[in-house]
Amino acid sequence: MSESNAAVMLDAEPLILPTMLSYKRSISQGRALMFACSDMSGRDAEPLLVEVACLRGTKAFDIWKNIEEAKKQSLALEKGIHEVTTPNPQRVETAFMPENKPYLKVCFSAKYLANSRAPHMCNNLAVGGLFKDVVRHYTRLEGFQYLGLRYAIPLATGLWMWRNNDEAFEKRIKITVVSSAKPQVFEFSPDYNAFSYTDLSPSDQKKVDELGTLIGLHLAHKPLAINVEAVYHMGGGTQAYPSQEMIMGDREKGELSRTLYKVSQGGIKNQAALHEQKIGNAMRCIDDWHGHDHFGVQAVEPLGVVSTHQASTRVENKRDFFSLCKSKLVLWRNELENAKSLATVTDLHDLHYVIAVLVRGGAFV
């Protein structure tokens, strides 16, 4: 394609995206292993094990729906009551803290990479160049420094610990930078229910700023490797929460009705763990630009999908990744070329979101 034809195509409204476009992910994390410890320092750590328990549960569903549909059947109410009062035996997997080791330690490693600078695959050189230009100018204007701060917050607040956050009395999170000649260590002590920057103490905010600057620098230029360790005081004999496995298809009678993620290695069997996908989802929870206050901060997704609510925060108002690229990518490239500050860019929050989707990576078309 000649340069003149490429320019005509890129100036068209809306932009036509290529039929092949993908980016390698720029945040790569491992699975997290779970341990039981004696104190907040993580002393005497031993693998937290997943065990099978047999329970007698109850049933809880709307019997009135079935009764209304069966009004003509005799004794419909009596049948419904009989059904819900029948015992509901269950075999489930659980993980409990040992009585003598009430502290939960969870460890994983992660890398921040500069893979958003250019497409991994793109079958249209002109559009691929357009994406590269936008990211290059975004980097020049320190846009990644802003994103880096956003990515540091879920790390420092322990958002990636998911349900374990709901029951911890005390928290300590340590992040160690291992990819530099002189390792750096950042320690945080978030309060219960502290999951935003403003919820943190002034000293923790300062450390988040430093960590965010480091993450932003490496997202723009070169790899950064970190080790993450959290120690939570859960209480002896109380439940801890590994990832739950998603079972496809119907379960046979007598099979486990809840299966947890566990790892067996080095002679240890059934050690509780968190899925790398679950951790990655939390590490991408920086999207509060979507405009729906009741959804709060969400993981960055190309269509703004919130799976827990079966909703999208972005598709209806065409602020999803695809719609924004088609309508604004050329505009952003033109504005960024001569900009001295990101503050002058049209719909800056949408630009931050689009770059964050490139950081997420994936096959987009």
Protein backbone atom coordinates (compact mmCIF):
# COMPACT_ATOMS: atom_id res chain seq x y z
CA MET A 1 0.00 0.00 0.00
CA SER A 2 1.37 3.43 -0.95
CA GLU A 3 1.79 6.16 1.71
CA SER A 4 -0.90 8.29 0.06
CA ASN A 5 -3.43 5.44 0.07
CA ALA A 6 -2.56 4.66 3.70
CA ALA A 7 -3.11 8.30 4.68
CA VAL A 8 -6.49 8.36 2.94
CA MET A 9 -7.54 5.18 4.72
CA LEU A 10 -6.43 6.46 8.14
CA ASP A 11 -8.22 9.77 7.68
CA ALA A 12 -11.49 8.00 6.92
CA GLU A 13 -14.31 8.06 9.48
CA PRO A 14 -14.68 5.71 11.18
CA LEU A 15 -11.32 3.96 11.14
CA ILE A 16 -11.48 0.43 9.74
CA LEU A 17 -9.62 -1.93 12.06
CA PRO A 18 -7.49 -4.70 10.52
CA THR A 19 -8.79 -8.24 10.38
CA MET A 20 -5.86 -9.41 12.49
CA LEU A 21 -4.68 -7.42 15.53
CA SER A 22 -3.16 -8.80 18.70
CA TYR A 23 -0.88 -7.66 21.51
CA LYS A 24 1.22 -9.71 23.89
CA ARG A 25 0.21 -9.06 27.48
CA SER A 26 2.41 -6.62 29.37
CA ILE A 27 1.53 -7.88 32.86
CA SER A 28 2.44 -11.52 33.34
CA GLN A 29 1.79 -13.15 36.71
CA GLY A 30 2.16 -16.65 38.12
CA ARG A 31 -0.14 -18.66 40.34
CA ALA A 32 -0.08 -17.95 44.08
CA LEU A 33 0.69 -20.65 46.63
CA MET A 34 -0.90 -20.54 50.09
CA PHE A 35 0.78 -21.34 53.43
CA ALA A 36 -0.12 -21.37 57.12
CA CYS A 37 2.26 -19.49 59.45
CA SER A 38 2.84 -18.79 63.13
CA ASP A 39 3.00 -14.97 63.01
CA MET A 40 2.87 -11.88 60.79
CA SER A 41 6.50 -12.37 59.76
CA GLY A 42 5.55 -15.64 58.01
CA ARG A 43 7.53 -17.81 60.42
CA ASP A 44 7.23 -21.63 60.35
CA ALA A 45 5.35 -21.64 57.05
CA GLU A 46 3.76 -24.92 55.98
CA PRO A 47 1.59 -25.59 52.89
CA LEU A 48 -2.09 -24.94 53.44
CA LEU A 49 -3.87 -28.10 52.35
CA VAL A 50 -7.19 -28.61 50.57
CA GLU A 51 -9.38 -31.28 52.20
CA VAL A 52 -12.72 -32.94 51.44
CA ALA A 53 -15.68 -32.40 53.80
CA CYS A 54 -19.10 -34.05 53.75
CA LEU A 55 -21.92 -31.71 54.74
CA ARG A 56 -25.67 -31.83 55.23
CA GLY A 57 -26.88 -28.70 53.52
CA THR A 58 -30.25 -27.09 52.99
CA LYS A 59 -31.97 -26.05 49.78
CA ALA A 60 -32.72 -22.43 49.01
CA PHE A 61 -34.60 -21.57 45.85
CA ASP A 62 -37.86 -19.89 44.92
CA ILE A 63 -40.42 -22.68 45.34
CA TRP A 64 -43.25 -20.22 44.61
CA LYS A 65 -42.19 -19.98 40.99
CA ASN A 66 -42.69 -23.70 40.56
CA ILE A 67 -45.95 -23.61 42.54
CA GLU A 68 -47.40 -20.83 40.39
CA GLU A 69 -46.57 -22.83 37.28
CA ALA A 70 -48.25 -25.90 38.78
CA LYS A 71 -51.40 -24.35 40.25
CA LYS A 72 -53.62 -26.94 38.64
CA GLN A 73 -51.69 -29.80 40.18
CA SER A 74 -53.07 -31.07 43.44
CA LEU A 75 -51.02 -30.54 46.59
CA ALA A 76 -48.47 -28.32 44.75
CA LEU A 77 -47.50 -26.44 47.92
CA GLU A 78 -47.06 -29.62 49.93
CA LYS A 79 -44.87 -31.10 47.21
CA GLY A 80 -42.76 -27.95 47.07
CA ILE A 81 -42.25 -27.92 50.84
CA HIS A 82 -41.36 -31.60 50.82
CA GLU A 83 -38.75 -30.97 48.10
CA VAL A 84 -36.98 -28.14 49.90
CA THR A 85 -37.01 -29.90 53.29
CA THR A 86 -35.39 -33.05 51.90
CA PRO A 87 -31.73 -33.32 53.07
CA ASN A 88 -29.16 -31.94 50.65
CA PRO A 89 -25.91 -33.89 51.26
CA GLN A 90 -22.79 -32.33 49.75
CA ARG A 91 -19.15 -33.30 49.29
CA VAL A 92 -17.03 -30.18 49.01
CA GLU A 93 -13.37 -29.20 49.14
CA THR A 94 -12.32 -26.76 51.86
CA ALA A 95 -9.16 -25.15 53.28
CA PHE A 96 -8.89 -24.29 56.98
CA MET A 97 -6.12 -22.59 58.91
CA PRO A 98 -4.45 -24.93 61.48
CA GLU A 99 -5.36 -24.02 65.06
CA ASN A 100 -1.69 -23.39 65.92
CA LYS A 101 -0.91 -21.42 62.76
CA PRO A 102 -3.55 -18.73 62.27
CA TYR A 103 -1.65 -16.59 59.73
CA LEU A 104 -2.17 -17.05 55.99
CA LYS A 105 0.78 -16.39 53.68
CA VAL A 106 0.25 -16.12 49.92
CA CYS A 107 3.13 -15.68 47.44
CA PHE A 108 3.39 -15.13 43.70
CA SER A 109 5.68 -13.50 41.14
CA ALA A 110 4.88 -11.09 38.32
CA LYS A 111 6.52 -9.25 35.43
CA TYR A 112 5.73 -5.88 33.87
CA LEU A 113 6.77 -5.73 30.21
CA ALA A 114 6.83 -3.12 27.45
CA ASN A 115 4.75 -5.19 25.02
CA SER A 116 2.20 -2.44 24.36
CA ARG A 117 4.65 -0.41 22.26
CA ALA A 118 3.72 -2.27 19.07
CA PRO A 119 1.26 -4.95 17.91
CA HIS A 120 2.38 -8.55 18.14
CA MET A 121 0.42 -9.32 14.96
CA CYS A 122 -1.30 -6.91 12.58
CA ASN A 123 -2.11 -7.44 8.91
CA ASN A 124 -2.43 -3.73 8.13
CA LEU A 125 0.85 -1.81 8.33
CA ALA A 126 -0.83 1.59 8.27
CA VAL A 127 -3.12 0.88 11.22
CA GLY A 128 -0.32 -0.90 13.06
CA GLY A 129 1.80 2.21 12.61
CA LEU A 130 -1.04 4.34 13.92
CA PHE A 131 -1.19 2.31 17.15
CA LYS A 132 2.62 2.58 17.49
CA ASP A 133 2.51 6.36 17.02
CA VAL A 134 -0.18 6.82 19.67
CA VAL A 135 1.72 4.71 22.22
CA ARG A 136 5.04 6.41 21.38
CA HIS A 137 3.64 9.88 22.06
CA TYR A 138 1.74 8.61 25.11
CA THR A 139 5.07 7.36 26.45
CA ARG A 140 6.80 10.67 25.69
CA LEU A 141 4.15 12.54 27.69
CA GLU A 142 4.57 10.16 30.68
CA GLY A 143 1.20 8.49 30.29
CA PHE A 144 2.64 5.21 31.57
CA GLN A 145 3.68 6.93 34.79
CA TYR A 146 0.00 7.63 35.40
CA LEU A 147 -0.99 4.05 34.56
CA GLY A 148 1.84 2.72 36.73
CA LEU A 149 0.34 4.38 39.79
CA ARG A 150 -3.01 2.83 38.97
CA TYR A 151 -1.47 -0.64 38.66
CA ALA A 152 0.40 -0.24 41.97
CA ILE A 153 -2.78 0.31 44.00
CA PRO A 154 -4.37 -3.19 43.72
CA LEU A 155 -0.96 -4.70 44.50
CA ALA A 156 -0.49 -2.61 47.64
CA THR A 157 -4.05 -3.03 48.92
CA GLY A 158 -4.16 -6.81 48.47
CA LEU A 159 -7.12 -6.72 46.11
CA TRP A 160 -5.69 -9.90 44.55
CA MET A 161 -6.38 -11.78 47.84
CA TRP A 162 -10.08 -11.62 46.94
CA ARG A 163 -12.40 -13.17 49.55
CA ASN A 164 -9.60 -13.55 52.10
CA ASN A 165 -9.76 -9.77 52.52
CA ASP A 166 -13.22 -10.07 54.07
CA GLU A 167 -12.07 -12.00 57.15
CA ALA A 168 -8.51 -10.88 57.93
CA PHE A 169 -7.84 -9.11 61.24
CA GLU A 170 -4.47 -7.73 60.14
CA LYS A 171 -2.63 -7.48 56.80
CA ARG A 172 0.98 -7.12 55.68
CA ILE A 173 1.95 -7.01 51.99
CA LYS A 174 5.57 -7.05 50.82
CA ILE A 175 6.61 -6.40 47.22
CA THR A 176 10.23 -7.09 46.32
CA VAL A 177 11.76 -5.88 43.06
CA VAL A 178 14.13 -8.62 41.91
CA SER A 179 15.12 -7.49 38.40
CA SER A 180 17.53 -4.73 39.40
CA ALA A 181 21.10 -4.86 40.76
CA LYS A 182 19.88 -3.56 44.11
CA PRO A 183 16.56 -5.16 45.13
CA GLN A 184 13.93 -2.75 46.41
CA VAL A 185 11.33 -3.70 49.00
CA PHE A 186 7.95 -2.02 49.52
CA GLU A 187 5.87 -2.97 52.56
CA PHE A 188 2.22 -2.03 53.08
CA SER A 189 -0.22 -2.47 55.97
CA PRO A 190 -3.69 -1.73 54.53
CA ASP A 191 -6.60 -1.45 56.93
CA TYR A 192 -9.70 -3.61 56.65
CA ASN A 193 -11.68 -2.61 53.54
CA ALA A 194 -8.89 -0.31 52.27
CA PHE A 195 -8.84 -0.81 48.50
CA SER A 196 -8.27 2.67 47.10
CA TYR A 197 -5.37 5.10 47.19
CA THR A 198 -7.19 7.45 49.57
CA ASP A 199 -7.89 4.55 51.97
CA LEU A 200 -4.14 4.06 52.54
CA SER A 201 -2.06 5.80 55.19
CA PRO A 202 0.15 8.74 54.06
CA SER A 203 3.29 6.59 54.41
CA ASP A 204 1.74 3.80 52.32
CA GLN A 205 0.59 6.35 49.73
CA LYS A 206 4.17 7.57 49.36
CA LYS A 207 5.38 4.01 48.75
CA VAL A 208 2.58 3.43 46.22
CA ASP A 209 3.79 6.54 44.36
CA GLU A 210 7.34 5.15 44.24
CA LEU A 211 6.21 1.68 43.16
CA GLY A 212 3.85 3.14 40.56
CA THR A 213 6.62 5.26 39.06
CA LEU A 214 8.78 2.14 38.76
CA ILE A 215 6.00 0.11 37.13
CA GLY A 216 5.22 2.90 34.68
CA LEU A 217 8.87 3.25 33.68
CA HIS A 218 9.17 -0.46 32.91
CA LEU A 219 5.84 -0.71 31.09
CA ALA A 220 7.26 1.94 28.76
CA HIS A 221 10.81 0.66 28.34
CA LYS A 222 12.11 -2.61 29.85
CA PRO A 223 11.01 -5.61 31.96
CA LEU A 224 10.42 -5.43 35.71
CA ALA A 225 10.20 -8.58 37.86
CA ILE A 226 8.67 -8.59 41.34
CA ASN A 227 7.88 -11.08 44.09
CA VAL A 228 4.71 -10.45 46.08
CA GLU A 229 3.99 -11.82 49.55
CA ALA A 230 0.96 -11.21 51.75
CA VAL A 231 0.54 -12.35 55.34
CA TYR A 232 -3.00 -12.11 56.75
CA HIS A 233 -4.14 -12.88 60.30
CA MET A 234 -7.15 -15.10 59.60
CA GLY A 235 -7.55 -16.89 62.97
CA GLY A 236 -6.81 -20.48 63.96
CA GLY A 237 -9.28 -23.05 62.68
CA THR A 238 -11.01 -20.56 60.38
CA GLN A 239 -11.59 -20.91 56.66
CA ALA A 240 -9.26 -19.57 53.98
CA TYR A 241 -10.29 -19.14 50.36
CA PRO A 242 -8.30 -20.57 47.43
CA SER A 243 -9.60 -20.17 43.90
CA GLN A 244 -12.60 -22.31 43.04
CA GLU A 245 -12.38 -24.49 39.95
CA MET A 246 -15.00 -24.03 37.26
CA ILE A 247 -16.49 -27.44 36.43
CA MET A 248 -17.94 -27.77 32.94
CA GLY A 249 -20.99 -29.96 32.42
CA ASP A 250 -23.27 -31.75 34.89
CA ARG A 251 -21.86 -33.44 37.98
CA GLU A 252 -22.52 -37.10 38.58
CA LYS A 253 -24.27 -38.13 41.79
CA GLY A 254 -21.74 -38.34 44.63
CA GLU A 255 -19.15 -36.13 42.92
CA LEU A 256 -17.68 -33.09 44.64
CA SER A 257 -20.07 -30.14 44.46
CA ARG A 258 -17.21 -27.64 45.05
CA THR A 259 -13.66 -28.13 43.82
CA LEU A 260 -10.78 -25.83 44.83
CA TYR A 261 -7.57 -25.02 42.97
CA LYS A 262 -4.64 -26.97 44.40
CA VAL A 263 -1.07 -27.73 43.42
CA SER A 264 0.98 -30.88 43.99
CA GLN A 265 4.75 -30.58 43.69
CA GLY A 266 7.94 -31.41 45.60
CA GLY A 267 6.28 -34.21 47.54
CA ILE A 268 3.47 -31.91 48.75
CA LYS A 269 -0.02 -32.83 47.59
CA ASN A 270 -3.13 -30.65 47.42
CA GLN A 271 -1.56 -27.31 48.41
CA ALA A 272 -4.16 -24.52 48.20
CA ALA A 273 -3.52 -21.86 45.55
CA LEU A 274 -4.98 -18.92 43.65
CA HIS A 275 -5.33 -19.08 39.86
CA GLU A 276 -2.99 -16.84 37.88
CA GLN A 277 -6.04 -15.62 35.93
CA LYS A 278 -7.77 -14.55 39.15
CA ILE A 279 -4.68 -12.67 40.30
CA GLY A 280 -4.29 -11.04 36.90
CA ASN A 281 -7.91 -9.90 36.95
CA ALA A 282 -7.31 -8.09 40.24
CA MET A 283 -4.03 -6.56 39.04
CA ARG A 284 -5.94 -4.99 36.13
CA CYS A 285 -8.63 -3.46 38.36
CA ILE A 286 -7.92 0.15 37.41
CA ASP A 287 -10.93 1.05 35.24
CA ASP A 288 -13.08 3.58 37.04
CA TRP A 289 -13.31 5.68 33.88
CA HIS A 290 -16.36 3.72 32.63
CA GLY A 291 -18.81 6.15 34.28
CA HIS A 292 -20.97 3.70 36.28
CA ASP A 293 -20.42 4.53 39.94
CA HIS A 294 -22.33 1.51 41.26
CA PHE A 295 -19.87 -0.87 39.55
CA GLY A 296 -16.80 0.75 41.13
CA VAL A 297 -13.30 -0.02 39.86
CA GLN A 298 -13.33 -2.86 37.33
CA ALA A 299 -10.72 -4.94 35.56
CA VAL A 300 -9.75 -3.50 32.19
CA GLU A 301 -11.59 -5.46 29.48
CA PRO A 302 -12.04 -4.68 25.74
CA LEU A 303 -15.84 -4.65 26.11
CA GLY A 304 -16.04 -3.51 29.73
CA VAL A 305 -17.60 -6.81 30.78
CA VAL A 306 -18.39 -7.28 34.48
CA SER A 307 -18.92 -11.04 34.63
CA THR A 308 -20.22 -11.08 38.21
CA HIS A 309 -23.18 -8.91 37.13
CA GLN A 310 -23.46 -10.20 33.54
CA ALA A 311 -23.22 -6.63 32.32
CA SER A 312 -21.01 -4.35 30.23
CA THR A 313 -20.09 -0.89 31.46
CA ARG A 314 -18.98 0.33 28.04
CA VAL A 315 -20.81 -1.18 25.08
CA GLU A 316 -24.11 0.74 25.28
CA ASN A 317 -22.46 4.17 25.12
CA LYS A 318 -19.82 2.99 22.61
CA ARG A 319 -16.88 3.52 24.93
CA ASP A 320 -15.55 0.00 24.45
CA PHE A 321 -12.07 -0.57 23.01
CA PHE A 322 -13.24 -1.22 19.46
CA SER A 323 -15.60 1.74 19.23
CA LEU A 324 -13.02 4.13 20.70
CA CYS A 325 -10.28 2.97 18.35
CA LYS A 326 -12.54 3.40 15.34
CA SER A 327 -13.75 6.87 16.32
CA LYS A 328 -10.77 8.47 18.09
CA LEU A 329 -7.45 6.79 17.32
CA VAL A 330 -6.63 9.10 14.40
CA LEU A 331 -7.72 12.16 16.42
CA TRP A 332 -5.51 11.12 19.34
CA ARG A 333 -2.52 10.54 17.06
CA ASN A 334 -2.93 14.02 15.58
CA GLU A 335 -3.35 15.69 18.98
CA LEU A 336 -0.49 13.79 20.64
CA GLU A 337 2.03 14.64 17.92
CA ASN A 338 2.18 18.29 18.96
CA ALA A 339 0.96 18.05 22.57
CA LYS A 340 3.16 19.23 25.42
CA SER A 341 0.88 17.67 28.01
CA LEU A 342 -1.66 14.86 28.10
CA ALA A 343 -4.10 17.31 29.68
CA THR A 344 -4.83 18.80 26.24
CA VAL A 345 -5.94 15.47 24.71
CA THR A 346 -9.63 14.94 23.90
CA ASP A 347 -11.39 12.44 26.21
CA LEU A 348 -8.17 11.63 28.06
CA HIS A 349 -9.78 8.98 30.27
CA ASP A 350 -10.79 7.05 27.15
CA LEU A 351 -7.19 7.22 25.90
CA HIS A 352 -5.90 5.85 29.23
CA TYR A 353 -8.42 3.02 28.96
CA VAL A 354 -7.40 2.12 25.38
CA ILE A 355 -3.71 2.01 26.32
CA ALA A 356 -4.58 -0.15 29.36
CA VAL A 357 -6.36 -2.60 27.02
CA LEU A 358 -3.15 -2.83 24.97
CA VAL A 359 -1.28 -3.52 28.21
CA ARG A 360 -3.81 -6.28 28.96
CA GLY A 361 -3.12 -7.80 25.56
CA GLY A 362 -5.11 -10.32 23.58
CA ALA A 363 -6.37 -11.06 20.08
CA PHE A 364 -8.75 -8.19 19.36
CA VAL A 365 -9.89 -8.85 15.78
